[in-house]
């Protein structure tokens, strides 16, 4: 086995306790990459009461699942998570670690790369084998999503955060070994003293349909209309940065280079001009539908379908037609 053939997947848990959709995709991507590199696939799972999730991971092609099950790991904390991960990977001379480009992944992986002296490429939308044998080629958007850059990491240890829809969930296979990891040895320096949860229905990152509003919505009342449509489609409501900055919708709804990265099957952009910052967060969506009264809005250049008009007229008609279609 080549020295750089080992692939790890950092698994994350959904709110209900099961594995996230992105984790399943990473397992499929990791299995393919390990096969191309002539190596082995292993997974890492941290949390509390995670036995069932570890069993599921073990059936998805991993030779080993390293699981740390402890109360200190119930909620993500960079101190505790970094300690456990760094301890596991410290003795690995070479590996590729795949993690989701999620809130936790974006926060934790740079810390881990620094601790392990590993190369890091974030926000990947593709991973391909390198014909010259330098390890995987990591592909990510640049210039606000207007171009793609291909990176190879020269260090033997490499880490990549990956967007959703890059891999496909694998079929169940023979179960791998579950290896218990030691819990954190010290208390975290940071502690959560209060936690508030926004009840916004389907999570942006997991939704197959996302309906986002922009500055042209005019105020918070416009987002109530988007919520109605999203509930019919079983989707989630997002936004460009201006509505979040204006307080029309929570900051957690922001889609873009400084917000969340989404790639649903259908993305509906309402009154969004299409700045490069916003496009960076949704350009990998399956189908993009744009509604804007400006026929020259840049969003139409990336949209698969478009409607030129005032959203206050277009959207109610669309919602009504959808109701009739679903009856």
C-alpha atoms as a PDB file:
ATOM      1  CA  UNK A   1       0.000   0.000   0.000  1.00  0.00           C
ATOM      2  CA  UNK A   2       1.402   3.440  -0.915  1.00  0.00           C
ATOM      3  CA  UNK A   3       2.362   5.558   2.045  1.00  0.00           C
ATOM      4  CA  UNK A   4      -0.194   8.201   1.101  1.00  0.00           C
ATOM      5  CA  UNK A   5      -3.062   5.808   0.401  1.00  0.00           C
ATOM      6  CA  UNK A   6      -4.894   5.981   3.730  1.00  0.00           C
ATOM      7  CA  UNK A   7      -8.085   8.056   3.717  1.00  0.00           C
ATOM      8  CA  UNK A   8      -9.967   9.232   6.804  1.00  0.00           C
ATOM      9  CA  UNK A   9     -13.471  10.697   6.888  1.00  0.00           C
ATOM     10  CA  UNK A  10     -14.452  13.028   9.715  1.00  0.00           C
ATOM     11  CA  UNK A  11     -18.093  12.107  10.352  1.00  0.00           C
ATOM     12  CA  UNK A  12     -20.702  14.491  11.744  1.00  0.00           C
ATOM     13  CA  UNK A  13     -24.044  13.860  13.399  1.00  0.00           C
ATOM     14  CA  UNK A  14     -27.370  15.427  12.461  1.00  0.00           C
ATOM     15  CA  UNK A  15     -29.593  16.916  15.145  1.00  0.00           C
ATOM     16  CA  UNK A  16     -31.587  13.707  15.409  1.00  0.00           C
ATOM     17  CA  UNK A  17     -28.467  11.702  16.223  1.00  0.00           C
ATOM     18  CA  UNK A  18     -27.936   9.980  12.873  1.00  0.00           C
ATOM     19  CA  UNK A  19     -25.220  10.667  10.341  1.00  0.00           C
ATOM     20  CA  UNK A  20     -25.569  13.775   8.203  1.00  0.00           C
ATOM     21  CA  UNK A  21     -26.257  13.439   4.477  1.00  0.00           C
ATOM     22  CA  UNK A  22     -22.892  15.046   3.783  1.00  0.00           C
ATOM     23  CA  UNK A  23     -21.136  12.427   5.916  1.00  0.00           C
ATOM     24  CA  UNK A  24     -22.722   9.669   3.827  1.00  0.00           C
ATOM     25  CA  UNK A  25     -21.510  11.414   0.665  1.00  0.00           C
ATOM     26  CA  UNK A  26     -17.997  11.708   2.124  1.00  0.00           C
ATOM     27  CA  UNK A  27     -17.955   7.982   2.858  1.00  0.00           C
ATOM     28  CA  UNK A  28     -18.695   7.250  -0.796  1.00  0.00           C
ATOM     29  CA  UNK A  29     -16.097   9.790  -1.919  1.00  0.00           C
ATOM     30  CA  UNK A  30     -13.553   8.445   0.561  1.00  0.00           C
ATOM     31  CA  UNK A  31     -14.067   4.854  -0.597  1.00  0.00           C
ATOM     32  CA  UNK A  32     -13.503   5.882  -4.218  1.00  0.00           C
ATOM     33  CA  UNK A  33     -10.413   7.905  -3.323  1.00  0.00           C
ATOM     34  CA  UNK A  34      -8.925   5.124  -1.200  1.00  0.00           C
ATOM     35  CA  UNK A  35      -9.421   2.689  -4.069  1.00  0.00           C
ATOM     36  CA  UNK A  36      -7.718   5.058  -6.527  1.00  0.00           C
ATOM     37  CA  UNK A  37      -4.797   5.583  -4.147  1.00  0.00           C
ATOM     38  CA  UNK A  38      -4.507   1.889  -3.380  1.00  0.00           C
ATOM     39  CA  UNK A  39      -5.177   2.486   0.290  1.00  0.00           C
ATOM     40  CA  UNK A  40      -7.739   1.982   3.038  1.00  0.00           C
ATOM     41  CA  UNK A  41     -10.744   3.962   4.241  1.00  0.00           C
ATOM     42  CA  UNK A  42     -11.234   4.766   7.922  1.00  0.00           C
ATOM     43  CA  UNK A  43     -13.713   7.055   9.678  1.00  0.00           C
ATOM     44  CA  UNK A  44     -13.654   9.159  12.841  1.00  0.00           C
ATOM     45  CA  UNK A  45     -16.756   9.922  14.904  1.00  0.00           C
ATOM     46  CA  UNK A  46     -16.893  12.044  18.056  1.00  0.00           C
ATOM     47  CA  UNK A  47     -19.931  12.576  20.264  1.00  0.00           C
ATOM     48  CA  UNK A  48     -22.050  11.248  23.114  1.00  0.00           C
ATOM     49  CA  UNK A  49     -24.178   8.073  22.886  1.00  0.00           C
ATOM     50  CA  UNK A  50     -22.978   7.441  19.352  1.00  0.00           C
ATOM     51  CA  UNK A  51     -22.988   3.631  19.284  1.00  0.00           C
ATOM     52  CA  UNK A  52     -25.736   3.388  16.656  1.00  0.00           C
ATOM     53  CA  UNK A  53     -24.100   5.975  14.399  1.00  0.00           C
ATOM     54  CA  UNK A  54     -20.744   4.197  14.726  1.00  0.00           C
ATOM     55  CA  UNK A  55     -22.376   0.923  13.683  1.00  0.00           C
ATOM     56  CA  UNK A  56     -23.861   2.618  10.627  1.00  0.00           C
ATOM     57  CA  UNK A  57     -20.483   4.086   9.696  1.00  0.00           C
ATOM     58  CA  UNK A  58     -18.877   0.674  10.023  1.00  0.00           C
ATOM     59  CA  UNK A  59     -21.255  -0.683   7.390  1.00  0.00           C
ATOM     60  CA  UNK A  60     -20.382   1.986   4.801  1.00  0.00           C
ATOM     61  CA  UNK A  61     -17.049   0.692   3.615  1.00  0.00           C
ATOM     62  CA  UNK A  62     -14.688   1.805   6.392  1.00  0.00           C
ATOM     63  CA  UNK A  63     -12.097  -0.740   7.454  1.00  0.00           C
ATOM     64  CA  UNK A  64     -12.088   0.901  10.883  1.00  0.00           C
ATOM     65  CA  UNK A  65     -14.293   3.432  12.665  1.00  0.00           C
ATOM     66  CA  UNK A  66     -12.520   5.362  15.425  1.00  0.00           C
ATOM     67  CA  UNK A  67     -15.207   6.432  17.885  1.00  0.00           C
ATOM     68  CA  UNK A  68     -14.834   8.679  20.924  1.00  0.00           C
ATOM     69  CA  UNK A  69     -18.025   8.451  23.000  1.00  0.00           C
ATOM     70  CA  UNK A  70     -18.047  10.875  25.931  1.00  0.00           C
ATOM     71  CA  UNK A  71     -20.235  13.575  27.475  1.00  0.00           C
ATOM     72  CA  UNK A  72     -17.531  16.199  26.833  1.00  0.00           C
ATOM     73  CA  UNK A  73     -17.995  15.548  23.101  1.00  0.00           C
ATOM     74  CA  UNK A  74     -21.768  15.899  23.032  1.00  0.00           C
ATOM     75  CA  UNK A  75     -21.530  19.411  21.609  1.00  0.00           C
ATOM     76  CA  UNK A  76     -18.847  20.570  19.206  1.00  0.00           C
ATOM     77  CA  UNK A  77     -16.006  22.336  20.982  1.00  0.00           C
ATOM     78  CA  UNK A  78     -12.714  23.037  19.184  1.00  0.00           C
ATOM     79  CA  UNK A  79     -10.638  22.264  22.280  1.00  0.00           C
ATOM     80  CA  UNK A  80     -11.988  18.776  22.925  1.00  0.00           C
ATOM     81  CA  UNK A  81     -12.414  17.781  19.284  1.00  0.00           C
ATOM     82  CA  UNK A  82      -8.918  18.942  18.361  1.00  0.00           C
ATOM     83  CA  UNK A  83      -7.351  17.037  21.250  1.00  0.00           C
ATOM     84  CA  UNK A  84      -8.953  13.731  20.265  1.00  0.00           C
ATOM     85  CA  UNK A  85      -8.336  14.093  16.522  1.00  0.00           C
ATOM     86  CA  UNK A  86      -4.739  15.252  16.868  1.00  0.00           C
ATOM     87  CA  UNK A  87      -3.962  12.363  19.220  1.00  0.00           C
ATOM     88  CA  UNK A  88      -5.373   9.858  16.704  1.00  0.00           C
ATOM     89  CA  UNK A  89      -3.594  11.265  13.660  1.00  0.00           C
ATOM     90  CA  UNK A  90      -0.296  12.298  15.277  1.00  0.00           C
ATOM     91  CA  UNK A  91       1.356   8.949  14.568  1.00  0.00           C
ATOM     92  CA  UNK A  92       0.030   8.703  11.010  1.00  0.00           C
ATOM     93  CA  UNK A  93       2.897   9.651   8.710  1.00  0.00           C
ATOM     94  CA  UNK A  94       0.679  10.139   5.680  1.00  0.00           C
ATOM     95  CA  UNK A  95      -3.056  10.380   5.057  1.00  0.00           C
ATOM     96  CA  UNK A  96      -5.864  12.287   3.380  1.00  0.00           C
ATOM     97  CA  UNK A  97      -8.602  13.503   5.725  1.00  0.00           C
ATOM     98  CA  UNK A  98     -11.974  14.490   4.253  1.00  0.00           C
ATOM     99  CA  UNK A  99     -14.368  16.659   6.251  1.00  0.00           C
ATOM    100  CA  UNK A 100     -17.541  18.481   5.347  1.00  0.00           C
ATOM    101  CA  UNK A 101     -17.342  22.190   4.548  1.00  0.00           C
ATOM    102  CA  UNK A 102     -19.667  22.787   7.480  1.00  0.00           C
ATOM    103  CA  UNK A 103     -19.509  25.185  10.407  1.00  0.00           C
ATOM    104  CA  UNK A 104     -17.562  22.629  12.453  1.00  0.00           C
ATOM    105  CA  UNK A 105     -15.389  21.594   9.530  1.00  0.00           C
ATOM    106  CA  UNK A 106     -14.426  25.165   8.668  1.00  0.00           C
ATOM    107  CA  UNK A 107     -13.532  25.880  12.305  1.00  0.00           C
ATOM    108  CA  UNK A 108     -11.774  22.652  13.230  1.00  0.00           C
ATOM    109  CA  UNK A 109      -9.806  21.612  10.159  1.00  0.00           C
ATOM    110  CA  UNK A 110      -7.487  24.672   9.995  1.00  0.00           C
ATOM    111  CA  UNK A 111      -6.643  24.112  13.674  1.00  0.00           C
ATOM    112  CA  UNK A 112      -5.948  20.438  13.014  1.00  0.00           C
ATOM    113  CA  UNK A 113      -3.844  21.175   9.930  1.00  0.00           C
ATOM    114  CA  UNK A 114      -1.686  23.569  11.965  1.00  0.00           C
ATOM    115  CA  UNK A 115      -1.320  21.067  14.821  1.00  0.00           C
ATOM    116  CA  UNK A 116      -0.246  18.266  12.454  1.00  0.00           C
ATOM    117  CA  UNK A 117       1.743  20.381   9.996  1.00  0.00           C
ATOM    118  CA  UNK A 118      -0.618  19.197   7.264  1.00  0.00           C
ATOM    119  CA  UNK A 119      -1.613  20.811   3.980  1.00  0.00           C
ATOM    120  CA  UNK A 120      -5.193  22.112   3.836  1.00  0.00           C
ATOM    121  CA  UNK A 121      -7.560  22.917   0.960  1.00  0.00           C
ATOM    122  CA  UNK A 122     -11.017  24.168   1.901  1.00  0.00           C
ATOM    123  CA  UNK A 123     -14.346  24.347   0.072  1.00  0.00           C
ATOM    124  CA  UNK A 124     -13.630  21.582  -2.444  1.00  0.00           C
ATOM    125  CA  UNK A 125     -16.181  20.824  -5.176  1.00  0.00           C
ATOM    126  CA  UNK A 126     -14.238  17.965  -6.724  1.00  0.00           C
ATOM    127  CA  UNK A 127     -11.477  15.458  -5.965  1.00  0.00           C
ATOM    128  CA  UNK A 128      -9.682  13.630  -8.743  1.00  0.00           C
ATOM    129  CA  UNK A 129      -6.689  11.263  -8.873  1.00  0.00           C
ATOM    130  CA  UNK A 130      -3.334  12.721  -9.889  1.00  0.00           C
ATOM    131  CA  UNK A 131      -1.798  10.889 -12.834  1.00  0.00           C
ATOM    132  CA  UNK A 132       1.704  11.821 -11.646  1.00  0.00           C
ATOM    133  CA  UNK A 133       1.277  10.102  -8.294  1.00  0.00           C
ATOM    134  CA  UNK A 134       1.285  13.175  -6.056  1.00  0.00           C
ATOM    135  CA  UNK A 135      -1.945  12.263  -4.305  1.00  0.00           C
ATOM    136  CA  UNK A 136      -5.440  13.564  -5.042  1.00  0.00           C
ATOM    137  CA  UNK A 137      -6.136  16.740  -6.996  1.00  0.00           C
ATOM    138  CA  UNK A 138      -8.368  19.010  -4.904  1.00  0.00           C
ATOM    139  CA  UNK A 139     -10.638  21.313  -6.902  1.00  0.00           C
ATOM    140  CA  UNK A 140     -12.194  24.462  -5.416  1.00  0.00           C
ATOM    141  CA  UNK A 141     -13.933  27.615  -6.683  1.00  0.00           C
ATOM    142  CA  UNK A 142     -11.961  30.872  -6.877  1.00  0.00           C
ATOM    143  CA  UNK A 143     -12.727  34.456  -7.904  1.00  0.00           C
ATOM    144  CA  UNK A 144     -16.178  34.303  -6.342  1.00  0.00           C
ATOM    145  CA  UNK A 145     -17.043  31.025  -8.039  1.00  0.00           C
ATOM    146  CA  UNK A 146     -16.208  32.258 -11.548  1.00  0.00           C
ATOM    147  CA  UNK A 147     -13.316  29.807 -11.972  1.00  0.00           C
ATOM    148  CA  UNK A 148     -12.041  26.514 -10.566  1.00  0.00           C
ATOM    149  CA  UNK A 149      -8.527  25.908  -9.271  1.00  0.00           C
ATOM    150  CA  UNK A 150      -6.855  22.496  -9.013  1.00  0.00           C
ATOM    151  CA  UNK A 151      -4.501  21.949  -6.065  1.00  0.00           C
ATOM    152  CA  UNK A 152      -2.111  19.183  -5.137  1.00  0.00           C
ATOM    153  CA  UNK A 153      -0.716  19.126  -1.610  1.00  0.00           C
ATOM    154  CA  UNK A 154       2.998  18.425  -1.330  1.00  0.00           C
ATOM    155  CA  UNK A 155       2.933  17.395   2.340  1.00  0.00           C
ATOM    156  CA  UNK A 156       2.303  13.744   3.181  1.00  0.00           C
ATOM    157  CA  UNK A 157      -0.560  14.756   5.441  1.00  0.00           C
ATOM    158  CA  UNK A 158      -3.407  16.502   3.668  1.00  0.00           C
ATOM    159  CA  UNK A 159      -6.832  17.725   4.761  1.00  0.00           C
ATOM    160  CA  UNK A 160      -9.754  18.843   2.607  1.00  0.00           C
ATOM    161  CA  UNK A 161     -13.158  20.272   3.468  1.00  0.00           C
ATOM    162  CA  UNK A 162     -15.729  19.281   0.877  1.00  0.00           C
ATOM    163  CA  UNK A 163     -19.090  20.695  -0.176  1.00  0.00           C
ATOM    164  CA  UNK A 164     -22.183  18.536  -0.463  1.00  0.00           C
ATOM    165  CA  UNK A 165     -23.091  16.767  -3.745  1.00  0.00           C
ATOM    166  CA  UNK A 166     -19.444  15.988  -4.505  1.00  0.00           C
ATOM    167  CA  UNK A 167     -19.755  12.337  -3.519  1.00  0.00           C
ATOM    168  CA  UNK A 168     -22.568   9.797  -3.426  1.00  0.00           C
ATOM    169  CA  UNK A 169     -23.649   7.718  -0.436  1.00  0.00           C
ATOM    170  CA  UNK A 170     -22.268   4.168  -0.730  1.00  0.00           C
ATOM    171  CA  UNK A 171     -24.189   0.939  -0.520  1.00  0.00           C
ATOM    172  CA  UNK A 172     -23.982  -0.991   2.742  1.00  0.00           C
ATOM    173  CA  UNK A 173     -21.075  -3.430   2.860  1.00  0.00           C
ATOM    174  CA  UNK A 174     -19.324  -5.771   5.264  1.00  0.00           C
ATOM    175  CA  UNK A 175     -18.925  -4.162   8.671  1.00  0.00           C
ATOM    176  CA  UNK A 176     -15.576  -2.773   9.639  1.00  0.00           C
ATOM    177  CA  UNK A 177     -13.997  -2.719  13.079  1.00  0.00           C
ATOM    178  CA  UNK A 178     -15.064  -0.124  15.649  1.00  0.00           C
ATOM    179  CA  UNK A 179     -12.122   1.147  17.698  1.00  0.00           C
ATOM    180  CA  UNK A 180     -12.758   3.113  20.899  1.00  0.00           C
ATOM    181  CA  UNK A 181     -10.795   6.326  21.291  1.00  0.00           C
ATOM    182  CA  UNK A 182      -9.723   7.854  24.573  1.00  0.00           C
ATOM    183  CA  UNK A 183     -11.910  10.818  25.584  1.00  0.00           C
ATOM    184  CA  UNK A 184     -10.464  14.302  26.084  1.00  0.00           C
ATOM    185  CA  UNK A 185      -8.043  14.435  28.991  1.00  0.00           C
ATOM    186  CA  UNK A 186      -8.800  18.042  29.908  1.00  0.00           C
ATOM    187  CA  UNK A 187     -11.762  20.348  30.212  1.00  0.00           C
ATOM    188  CA  UNK A 188     -12.336  22.769  27.328  1.00  0.00           C
ATOM    189  CA  UNK A 189     -11.213  26.366  27.769  1.00  0.00           C
ATOM    190  CA  UNK A 190     -14.480  27.597  26.280  1.00  0.00           C
ATOM    191  CA  UNK A 191     -17.863  26.606  27.623  1.00  0.00           C
ATOM    192  CA  UNK A 192     -21.346  27.373  26.342  1.00  0.00           C
ATOM    193  CA  UNK A 193     -23.322  29.176  29.038  1.00  0.00           C
ATOM    194  CA  UNK A 194     -26.512  29.561  27.024  1.00  0.00           C
ATOM    195  CA  UNK A 195     -27.907  28.045  23.849  1.00  0.00           C
ATOM    196  CA  UNK A 196     -30.765  29.326  21.731  1.00  0.00           C
ATOM    197  CA  UNK A 197     -32.194  27.358  18.875  1.00  0.00           C
ATOM    198  CA  UNK A 198     -33.897  28.930  15.895  1.00  0.00           C
ATOM    199  CA  UNK A 199     -36.885  26.942  14.743  1.00  0.00           C
ATOM    200  CA  UNK A 200     -36.571  27.385  10.983  1.00  0.00           C
ATOM    201  CA  UNK A 201     -37.842  23.977   9.900  1.00  0.00           C
ATOM    202  CA  UNK A 202     -35.645  22.201   7.381  1.00  0.00           C
ATOM    203  CA  UNK A 203     -31.949  23.058   7.700  1.00  0.00           C
ATOM    204  CA  UNK A 204     -30.424  24.919   4.758  1.00  0.00           C
ATOM    205  CA  UNK A 205     -27.522  22.513   4.356  1.00  0.00           C
ATOM    206  CA  UNK A 206     -29.764  19.439   4.250  1.00  0.00           C
ATOM    207  CA  UNK A 207     -32.643  20.751   2.170  1.00  0.00           C
ATOM    208  CA  UNK A 208     -33.276  19.545  -1.388  1.00  0.00           C
ATOM    209  CA  UNK A 209     -35.067  22.839  -2.131  1.00  0.00           C
ATOM    210  CA  UNK A 210     -33.814  26.281  -1.050  1.00  0.00           C
ATOM    211  CA  UNK A 211     -35.714  29.531  -1.691  1.00  0.00           C
ATOM    212  CA  UNK A 212     -33.615  32.624  -1.065  1.00  0.00           C
ATOM    213  CA  UNK A 213     -34.533  36.284  -1.020  1.00  0.00           C
ATOM    214  CA  UNK A 214     -32.396  39.315  -1.694  1.00  0.00           C
ATOM    215  CA  UNK A 215     -32.341  43.049  -1.146  1.00  0.00           C
ATOM    216  CA  UNK A 216     -35.219  43.409  -3.603  1.00  0.00           C
ATOM    217  CA  UNK A 217     -37.606  41.711  -1.159  1.00  0.00           C
ATOM    218  CA  UNK A 218     -37.957  45.154   0.437  1.00  0.00           C
ATOM    219  CA  UNK A 219     -38.420  44.043   4.036  1.00  0.00           C
ATOM    220  CA  UNK A 220     -39.150  41.165   6.435  1.00  0.00           C
ATOM    221  CA  UNK A 221     -42.720  40.732   5.198  1.00  0.00           C
ATOM    222  CA  UNK A 222     -41.363  39.373   1.916  1.00  0.00           C
ATOM    223  CA  UNK A 223     -39.668  36.519   3.702  1.00  0.00           C
ATOM    224  CA  UNK A 224     -43.005  35.431   5.160  1.00  0.00           C
ATOM    225  CA  UNK A 225     -44.098  34.780   1.567  1.00  0.00           C
ATOM    226  CA  UNK A 226     -40.945  32.731   0.974  1.00  0.00           C
ATOM    227  CA  UNK A 227     -41.650  30.713   4.119  1.00  0.00           C
ATOM    228  CA  UNK A 228     -45.093  29.814   2.775  1.00  0.00           C
ATOM    229  CA  UNK A 229     -43.676  28.597  -0.511  1.00  0.00           C
ATOM    230  CA  UNK A 230     -40.864  26.715   1.214  1.00  0.00           C
ATOM    231  CA  UNK A 231     -43.354  24.877   3.433  1.00  0.00           C
ATOM    232  CA  UNK A 232     -45.239  23.688   0.355  1.00  0.00           C
ATOM    233  CA  UNK A 233     -42.064  22.393  -1.232  1.00  0.00           C
ATOM    234  CA  UNK A 234     -40.606  20.940   1.969  1.00  0.00           C
ATOM    235  CA  UNK A 235     -37.683  23.311   1.579  1.00  0.00           C
ATOM    236  CA  UNK A 236     -35.714  25.905   3.506  1.00  0.00           C
ATOM    237  CA  UNK A 237     -35.491  29.686   3.257  1.00  0.00           C
ATOM    238  CA  UNK A 238     -32.160  31.391   2.639  1.00  0.00           C
ATOM    239  CA  UNK A 239     -31.035  34.928   1.886  1.00  0.00           C
ATOM    240  CA  UNK A 240     -28.264  37.006   0.413  1.00  0.00           C
ATOM    241  CA  UNK A 241     -26.238  39.144   2.791  1.00  0.00           C
ATOM    242  CA  UNK A 242     -28.183  42.477   2.657  1.00  0.00           C
ATOM    243  CA  UNK A 243     -31.442  41.075   4.140  1.00  0.00           C
ATOM    244  CA  UNK A 244     -29.470  39.446   6.966  1.00  0.00           C
ATOM    245  CA  UNK A 245     -27.555  42.655   7.672  1.00  0.00           C
ATOM    246  CA  UNK A 246     -30.855  44.577   7.706  1.00  0.00           C
ATOM    247  CA  UNK A 247     -32.434  42.191  10.192  1.00  0.00           C
ATOM    248  CA  UNK A 248     -35.153  40.996   7.822  1.00  0.00           C
ATOM    249  CA  UNK A 249     -34.115  37.381   8.393  1.00  0.00           C
ATOM    250  CA  UNK A 250     -31.626  35.699  10.785  1.00  0.00           C
ATOM    251  CA  UNK A 251     -27.903  35.635   9.956  1.00  0.00           C
ATOM    252  CA  UNK A 252     -28.080  31.835   9.931  1.00  0.00           C
ATOM    253  CA  UNK A 253     -30.064  32.083   6.676  1.00  0.00           C
ATOM    254  CA  UNK A 254     -27.246  33.762   4.753  1.00  0.00           C
ATOM    255  CA  UNK A 255     -26.042  31.912   1.674  1.00  0.00           C
ATOM    256  CA  UNK A 256     -22.724  32.945   0.181  1.00  0.00           C
ATOM    257  CA  UNK A 257     -18.976  33.118   0.599  1.00  0.00           C
ATOM    258  CA  UNK A 258     -19.367  34.607   4.113  1.00  0.00           C
ATOM    259  CA  UNK A 259     -22.465  32.533   4.892  1.00  0.00           C
ATOM    260  CA  UNK A 260     -23.494  28.960   4.235  1.00  0.00           C
ATOM    261  CA  UNK A 261     -22.620  26.835   1.228  1.00  0.00           C
ATOM    262  CA  UNK A 262     -25.630  24.976  -0.154  1.00  0.00           C
ATOM    263  CA  UNK A 263     -26.167  22.704  -3.133  1.00  0.00           C
ATOM    264  CA  UNK A 264     -29.829  21.646  -3.203  1.00  0.00           C
ATOM    265  CA  UNK A 265     -31.566  19.962  -6.102  1.00  0.00           C
ATOM    266  CA  UNK A 266     -33.499  23.202  -6.729  1.00  0.00           C
ATOM    267  CA  UNK A 267     -32.404  26.735  -5.791  1.00  0.00           C
ATOM    268  CA  UNK A 268     -34.919  29.558  -6.258  1.00  0.00           C
ATOM    269  CA  UNK A 269     -33.358  33.035  -6.147  1.00  0.00           C
ATOM    270  CA  UNK A 270     -35.950  35.743  -5.583  1.00  0.00           C
ATOM    271  CA  UNK A 271     -34.968  39.408  -6.035  1.00  0.00           C
ATOM    272  CA  UNK A 272     -31.277  38.485  -5.887  1.00  0.00           C
ATOM    273  CA  UNK A 273     -28.993  40.251  -8.351  1.00  0.00           C
ATOM    274  CA  UNK A 274     -26.331  37.550  -8.371  1.00  0.00           C
ATOM    275  CA  UNK A 275     -23.172  38.963  -6.814  1.00  0.00           C
ATOM    276  CA  UNK A 276     -20.091  36.763  -6.916  1.00  0.00           C
ATOM    277  CA  UNK A 277     -20.190  36.505  -3.114  1.00  0.00           C
ATOM    278  CA  UNK A 278     -23.681  34.986  -3.220  1.00  0.00           C
ATOM    279  CA  UNK A 279     -23.013  32.764  -6.227  1.00  0.00           C
ATOM    280  CA  UNK A 280     -20.090  31.190  -4.370  1.00  0.00           C
ATOM    281  CA  UNK A 281     -22.561  29.757  -1.900  1.00  0.00           C
ATOM    282  CA  UNK A 282     -25.066  28.184  -4.304  1.00  0.00           C
ATOM    283  CA  UNK A 283     -23.460  27.714  -7.719  1.00  0.00           C
ATOM    284  CA  UNK A 284     -23.305  23.931  -7.321  1.00  0.00           C
ATOM    285  CA  UNK A 285     -27.109  23.616  -7.032  1.00  0.00           C
ATOM    286  CA  UNK A 286     -28.831  21.136  -9.336  1.00  0.00           C
ATOM    287  CA  UNK A 287     -31.271  23.550 -11.005  1.00  0.00           C
ATOM    288  CA  UNK A 288     -31.344  27.310 -10.442  1.00  0.00           C
ATOM    289  CA  UNK A 289     -34.524  29.370 -10.887  1.00  0.00           C
ATOM    290  CA  UNK A 290     -34.260  33.175 -10.860  1.00  0.00           C
ATOM    291  CA  UNK A 291     -37.010  35.766 -10.351  1.00  0.00           C
ATOM    292  CA  UNK A 292     -35.909  39.371 -10.830  1.00  0.00           C
ATOM    293  CA  UNK A 293     -37.425  42.479 -12.348  1.00  0.00           C
ATOM    294  CA  UNK A 294     -34.085  43.506 -13.882  1.00  0.00           C
ATOM    295  CA  UNK A 295     -33.617  41.575 -17.157  1.00  0.00           C
ATOM    296  CA  UNK A 296     -29.870  42.322 -17.007  1.00  0.00           C
ATOM    297  CA  UNK A 297     -29.385  40.909 -13.496  1.00  0.00           C
ATOM    298  CA  UNK A 298     -26.349  38.629 -13.437  1.00  0.00           C
ATOM    299  CA  UNK A 299     -28.318  35.863 -11.716  1.00  0.00           C
ATOM    300  CA  UNK A 300     -29.939  35.067 -15.086  1.00  0.00           C
ATOM    301  CA  UNK A 301     -26.527  34.132 -16.504  1.00  0.00           C
ATOM    302  CA  UNK A 302     -26.245  31.199 -14.104  1.00  0.00           C
ATOM    303  CA  UNK A 303     -29.944  30.305 -13.876  1.00  0.00           C
ATOM    304  CA  UNK A 304     -31.468  27.340 -15.694  1.00  0.00           C
ATOM    305  CA  UNK A 305     -34.885  29.015 -15.651  1.00  0.00           C
ATOM    306  CA  UNK A 306     -35.796  32.665 -15.164  1.00  0.00           C
ATOM    307  CA  UNK A 307     -38.785  34.956 -14.825  1.00  0.00           C
ATOM    308  CA  UNK A 308     -38.427  38.703 -15.387  1.00  0.00           C
ATOM    309  CA  UNK A 309     -40.890  40.600 -13.223  1.00  0.00           C
ATOM    310  CA  UNK A 310     -41.798  41.922  -9.807  1.00  0.00           C
ATOM    311  CA  UNK A 311     -41.592  39.080  -7.308  1.00  0.00           C
ATOM    312  CA  UNK A 312     -44.802  40.363  -5.669  1.00  0.00           C
ATOM    313  CA  UNK A 313     -46.648  39.414  -8.867  1.00  0.00           C
ATOM    314  CA  UNK A 314     -44.634  36.419 -10.025  1.00  0.00           C
ATOM    315  CA  UNK A 315     -44.320  34.547  -6.745  1.00  0.00           C
ATOM    316  CA  UNK A 316     -48.014  34.525  -5.695  1.00  0.00           C
ATOM    317  CA  UNK A 317     -48.984  33.237  -9.148  1.00  0.00           C
ATOM    318  CA  UNK A 318     -46.314  30.553  -8.900  1.00  0.00           C
ATOM    319  CA  UNK A 319     -47.444  29.568  -5.400  1.00  0.00           C
ATOM    320  CA  UNK A 320     -51.087  29.355  -6.480  1.00  0.00           C
ATOM    321  CA  UNK A 321     -50.231  27.217  -9.485  1.00  0.00           C
ATOM    322  CA  UNK A 322     -48.163  24.966  -7.236  1.00  0.00           C
ATOM    323  CA  UNK A 323     -51.100  24.532  -4.848  1.00  0.00           C
ATOM    324  CA  UNK A 324     -53.370  23.425  -7.691  1.00  0.00           C
ATOM    325  CA  UNK A 325     -50.733  21.073  -9.028  1.00  0.00           C
ATOM    326  CA  UNK A 326     -50.285  19.420  -5.635  1.00  0.00           C
ATOM    327  CA  UNK A 327     -54.019  18.974  -4.931  1.00  0.00           C
END
